[in-house]
Amino acid sequence: MDVFALLAEPVRYRIVEILATGEHTSGQLADVLHHEFNVGWPAVSEHLTKMLKSGFVVRRVEGPSRIYRLAPTAMDQLDGRVERLHELWDARYGWPYRRDPLSPHLLTTPRRPNRGRGQRGHSERPIVFDVTEDNDLWQWFGD
């Protein structure tokens, strides 16, 4: 699962925040998430399972407890995606002095002429209102 898709869910993002402070049992995580998000144990278990399958968290068993922590590669996965965004940001067009790849002079296919669409109501003749003193403007409104 993509790191951003994984963290797009607020409950999973909060799990990562909690696990960033250290190891926690599934019961501790469920208590915090129930208090903050009003989610039950089955939902927390489902989120933890998705995070386990994606390799973002690691689980170890100690007796009846399941202890979770962030995987050593979790932050590397996130850093890799953020670094890619930084590369795209630095290579964006228009800054510094890059050309827009969609500008009209760089398009390979020539644009077709308008052929009259969107020209309704347009006329070549200018509209002129000739108002002089001897014209009675109120004649159009009737008596």
C-alpha atoms as a PDB file:
ATOM      1  CA  MET A   1       0.000   0.000   0.000  1.00  0.00           C
ATOM      2  CA  ASP A   2       1.250   3.475  -0.826  1.00  0.00           C
ATOM      3  CA  VAL A   3       2.561   5.433   2.159  1.00  0.00           C
ATOM      4  CA  PHE A   4       0.300   8.412   1.479  1.00  0.00           C
ATOM      5  CA  ALA A   5      -2.739   6.163   1.045  1.00  0.00           C
ATOM      6  CA  LEU A   6      -1.841   4.453   4.291  1.00  0.00           C
ATOM      7  CA  LEU A   7      -1.547   7.724   6.187  1.00  0.00           C
ATOM      8  CA  ALA A   8      -4.598   9.310   4.553  1.00  0.00           C
ATOM      9  CA  GLU A   9      -6.783   7.560   7.122  1.00  0.00           C
ATOM     10  CA  PRO A  10      -6.734   9.698  10.305  1.00  0.00           C
ATOM     11  CA  VAL A  11      -6.799   6.668  12.603  1.00  0.00           C
ATOM     12  CA  ARG A  12      -3.744   5.143  10.943  1.00  0.00           C
ATOM     13  CA  TYR A  13      -1.977   8.494  10.964  1.00  0.00           C
ATOM     14  CA  ARG A  14      -2.621   8.714  14.700  1.00  0.00           C
ATOM     15  CA  ILE A  15      -1.274   5.171  15.165  1.00  0.00           C
ATOM     16  CA  VAL A  16       1.943   6.274  13.457  1.00  0.00           C
ATOM     17  CA  GLU A  17       2.131   9.316  15.735  1.00  0.00           C
ATOM     18  CA  ILE A  18       1.727   7.123  18.812  1.00  0.00           C
ATOM     19  CA  LEU A  19       4.209   4.521  17.604  1.00  0.00           C
ATOM     20  CA  ALA A  20       6.736   7.238  16.768  1.00  0.00           C
ATOM     21  CA  THR A  21       7.127   7.708  20.526  1.00  0.00           C
ATOM     22  CA  GLY A  22       7.993   4.020  21.048  1.00  0.00           C
ATOM     23  CA  GLU A  23       6.500   0.548  21.358  1.00  0.00           C
ATOM     24  CA  HIS A  24       2.898   0.118  22.495  1.00  0.00           C
ATOM     25  CA  THR A  25       0.592  -2.823  23.001  1.00  0.00           C
ATOM     26  CA  SER A  26      -2.496  -3.251  20.883  1.00  0.00           C
ATOM     27  CA  GLY A  27      -4.607  -2.655  24.007  1.00  0.00           C
ATOM     28  CA  GLN A  28      -2.934   0.701  24.644  1.00  0.00           C
ATOM     29  CA  LEU A  29      -3.474   1.720  21.039  1.00  0.00           C
ATOM     30  CA  ALA A  30      -7.108   0.624  21.161  1.00  0.00           C
ATOM     31  CA  ASP A  31      -7.728   2.620  24.356  1.00  0.00           C
ATOM     32  CA  VAL A  32      -6.281   5.821  22.912  1.00  0.00           C
ATOM     33  CA  LEU A  33      -8.048   5.450  19.575  1.00  0.00           C
ATOM     34  CA  HIS A  34     -11.359   4.623  21.216  1.00  0.00           C
ATOM     35  CA  HIS A  35     -11.085   7.768  23.315  1.00  0.00           C
ATOM     36  CA  GLU A  36     -10.018  10.028  20.414  1.00  0.00           C
ATOM     37  CA  PHE A  37     -11.933   8.568  17.449  1.00  0.00           C
ATOM     38  CA  ASN A  38     -14.625   6.456  19.109  1.00  0.00           C
ATOM     39  CA  VAL A  39     -13.531   3.361  17.188  1.00  0.00           C
ATOM     40  CA  GLY A  40     -13.758  -0.143  18.597  1.00  0.00           C
ATOM     41  CA  TRP A  41     -11.178  -2.875  18.897  1.00  0.00           C
ATOM     42  CA  PRO A  42     -12.124  -4.590  15.593  1.00  0.00           C
ATOM     43  CA  ALA A  43     -11.470  -1.373  13.658  1.00  0.00           C
ATOM     44  CA  VAL A  44      -8.125  -0.843  15.402  1.00  0.00           C
ATOM     45  CA  SER A  45      -7.185  -4.453  14.671  1.00  0.00           C
ATOM     46  CA  GLU A  46      -8.061  -3.966  10.992  1.00  0.00           C
ATOM     47  CA  HIS A  47      -5.930  -0.813  10.757  1.00  0.00           C
ATOM     48  CA  LEU A  48      -2.998  -2.544  12.446  1.00  0.00           C
ATOM     49  CA  THR A  49      -3.328  -5.509  10.069  1.00  0.00           C
ATOM     50  CA  LYS A  50      -3.206  -3.208   7.023  1.00  0.00           C
ATOM     51  CA  MET A  51      -0.165  -1.487   8.447  1.00  0.00           C
ATOM     52  CA  LEU A  52       1.502  -4.852   9.128  1.00  0.00           C
ATOM     53  CA  LYS A  53       0.844  -6.066   5.572  1.00  0.00           C
ATOM     54  CA  SER A  54       2.247  -2.866   4.115  1.00  0.00           C
ATOM     55  CA  GLY A  55       5.407  -3.233   6.193  1.00  0.00           C
ATOM     56  CA  PHE A  56       4.927   0.026   8.022  1.00  0.00           C
ATOM     57  CA  VAL A  57       4.724  -1.503  11.520  1.00  0.00           C
ATOM     58  CA  VAL A  58       6.299  -4.531  13.167  1.00  0.00           C
ATOM     59  CA  ARG A  59       4.595  -6.766  15.728  1.00  0.00           C
ATOM     60  CA  ARG A  60       6.098  -9.009  18.360  1.00  0.00           C
ATOM     61  CA  VAL A  61       4.319 -11.306  20.776  1.00  0.00           C
ATOM     62  CA  GLU A  62       5.058 -11.366  24.497  1.00  0.00           C
ATOM     63  CA  GLY A  63       2.719 -13.741  26.245  1.00  0.00           C
ATOM     64  CA  PRO A  64      -0.834 -12.591  25.628  1.00  0.00           C
ATOM     65  CA  SER A  65       0.262  -9.127  24.452  1.00  0.00           C
ATOM     66  CA  ARG A  66       0.931  -7.938  20.928  1.00  0.00           C
ATOM     67  CA  ILE A  67       3.472  -5.151  20.920  1.00  0.00           C
ATOM     68  CA  TYR A  68       3.696  -2.841  17.910  1.00  0.00           C
ATOM     69  CA  ARG A  69       6.399  -0.440  16.783  1.00  0.00           C
ATOM     70  CA  LEU A  70       7.220   1.392  13.582  1.00  0.00           C
ATOM     71  CA  ALA A  71       9.238  -0.640  11.111  1.00  0.00           C
ATOM     72  CA  PRO A  72      12.827   0.510  10.642  1.00  0.00           C
ATOM     73  CA  THR A  73      12.021   1.311   6.999  1.00  0.00           C
ATOM     74  CA  ALA A  74       8.798   3.208   7.756  1.00  0.00           C
ATOM     75  CA  MET A  75      10.348   6.651   7.831  1.00  0.00           C
ATOM     76  CA  ASP A  76      12.535   5.766   4.839  1.00  0.00           C
ATOM     77  CA  GLN A  77       9.398   4.943   2.836  1.00  0.00           C
ATOM     78  CA  LEU A  78       7.877   8.269   3.799  1.00  0.00           C
ATOM     79  CA  ASP A  79      11.116  10.161   3.160  1.00  0.00           C
ATOM     80  CA  GLY A  80      11.386   8.576  -0.295  1.00  0.00           C
ATOM     81  CA  ARG A  81       7.928   9.742  -1.293  1.00  0.00           C
ATOM     82  CA  VAL A  82       8.474  13.235   0.110  1.00  0.00           C
ATOM     83  CA  GLU A  83      11.851  13.435  -1.628  1.00  0.00           C
ATOM     84  CA  ARG A  84      10.119  12.611  -4.924  1.00  0.00           C
ATOM     85  CA  LEU A  85       7.716  15.494  -4.312  1.00  0.00           C
ATOM     86  CA  HIS A  86      10.687  17.783  -3.640  1.00  0.00           C
ATOM     87  CA  GLU A  87      12.247  16.712  -6.956  1.00  0.00           C
ATOM     88  CA  LEU A  88       9.016  17.486  -8.790  1.00  0.00           C
ATOM     89  CA  TRP A  89       8.730  20.807  -6.995  1.00  0.00           C
ATOM     90  CA  ASP A  90      12.291  21.805  -7.892  1.00  0.00           C
ATOM     91  CA  ALA A  91      11.753  20.831 -11.544  1.00  0.00           C
ATOM     92  CA  ARG A  92       8.417  22.613 -11.892  1.00  0.00           C
ATOM     93  CA  TYR A  93       7.988  24.773 -14.948  1.00  0.00           C
ATOM     94  CA  GLY A  94       8.009  28.501 -14.585  1.00  0.00           C
ATOM     95  CA  TRP A  95      10.481  28.356 -11.736  1.00  0.00           C
ATOM     96  CA  PRO A  96      13.356  28.858 -11.958  1.00  0.00           C
ATOM     97  CA  TYR A  97      13.049  29.962 -15.571  1.00  0.00           C
ATOM     98  CA  ARG A  98      11.578  26.727 -16.895  1.00  0.00           C
ATOM     99  CA  ARG A  99       9.154  26.742 -19.791  1.00  0.00           C
ATOM    100  CA  ASP A 100       5.594  25.591 -19.479  1.00  0.00           C
ATOM    101  CA  PRO A 101       5.318  22.213 -21.273  1.00  0.00           C
ATOM    102  CA  LEU A 102       1.711  23.002 -22.196  1.00  0.00           C
ATOM    103  CA  SER A 103       2.333  26.437 -23.680  1.00  0.00           C
ATOM    104  CA  PRO A 104       0.865  26.911 -27.186  1.00  0.00           C
ATOM    105  CA  HIS A 105       4.218  27.357 -28.935  1.00  0.00           C
ATOM    106  CA  LEU A 106       5.428  23.968 -27.647  1.00  0.00           C
ATOM    107  CA  LEU A 107       2.358  21.969 -28.675  1.00  0.00           C
ATOM    108  CA  THR A 108       3.072  19.531 -31.500  1.00  0.00           C
ATOM    109  CA  THR A 109      -0.424  19.499 -32.989  1.00  0.00           C
ATOM    110  CA  PRO A 110      -1.680  22.758 -34.431  1.00  0.00           C
ATOM    111  CA  ARG A 111      -4.920  24.113 -33.039  1.00  0.00           C
ATOM    112  CA  ARG A 112      -7.946  24.121 -35.320  1.00  0.00           C
ATOM    113  CA  PRO A 113      -9.708  27.389 -36.089  1.00  0.00           C
ATOM    114  CA  ASN A 114     -12.810  28.213 -34.087  1.00  0.00           C
ATOM    115  CA  ARG A 115     -15.220  27.619 -37.014  1.00  0.00           C
ATOM    116  CA  GLY A 116     -17.812  29.943 -35.566  1.00  0.00           C
ATOM    117  CA  ARG A 117     -18.508  28.114 -32.320  1.00  0.00           C
ATOM    118  CA  GLY A 118     -18.752  30.496 -29.437  1.00  0.00           C
ATOM    119  CA  GLN A 119     -19.336  33.439 -31.746  1.00  0.00           C
ATOM    120  CA  ARG A 120     -23.111  33.743 -31.388  1.00  0.00           C
ATOM    121  CA  GLY A 121     -24.263  37.291 -30.975  1.00  0.00           C
ATOM    122  CA  HIS A 122     -21.030  38.733 -32.308  1.00  0.00           C
ATOM    123  CA  SER A 123     -21.295  41.041 -35.268  1.00  0.00           C
ATOM    124  CA  GLU A 124     -18.771  42.872 -37.372  1.00  0.00           C
ATOM    125  CA  ARG A 125     -20.942  45.997 -37.287  1.00  0.00           C
ATOM    126  CA  PRO A 126     -20.596  48.183 -34.210  1.00  0.00           C
ATOM    127  CA  ILE A 127     -23.750  49.074 -32.335  1.00  0.00           C
ATOM    128  CA  VAL A 128     -24.255  52.833 -32.324  1.00  0.00           C
ATOM    129  CA  PHE A 129     -26.893  54.667 -30.350  1.00  0.00           C
ATOM    130  CA  ASP A 130     -27.568  58.041 -31.889  1.00  0.00           C
ATOM    131  CA  VAL A 131     -29.165  60.238 -29.285  1.00  0.00           C
ATOM    132  CA  THR A 132     -29.771  63.831 -30.177  1.00  0.00           C
ATOM    133  CA  GLU A 133     -31.911  66.516 -28.619  1.00  0.00           C
ATOM    134  CA  ASP A 134     -34.760  66.072 -31.070  1.00  0.00           C
ATOM    135  CA  ASN A 135     -35.068  62.304 -30.321  1.00  0.00           C
ATOM    136  CA  ASP A 136     -37.655  61.613 -27.695  1.00  0.00           C
ATOM    137  CA  LEU A 137     -36.306  58.662 -25.678  1.00  0.00           C
ATOM    138  CA  TRP A 138     -39.636  58.216 -23.876  1.00  0.00           C
ATOM    139  CA  GLN A 139     -41.474  57.477 -27.134  1.00  0.00           C
ATOM    140  CA  TRP A 140     -40.486  53.839 -26.781  1.00  0.00           C
ATOM    141  CA  PHE A 141     -42.173  53.427 -23.402  1.00  0.00           C
ATOM    142  CA  GLY A 142     -45.615  54.599 -24.495  1.00  0.00           C
ATOM    143  CA  ASP A 143     -48.018  56.995 -22.793  1.00  0.00           C
END
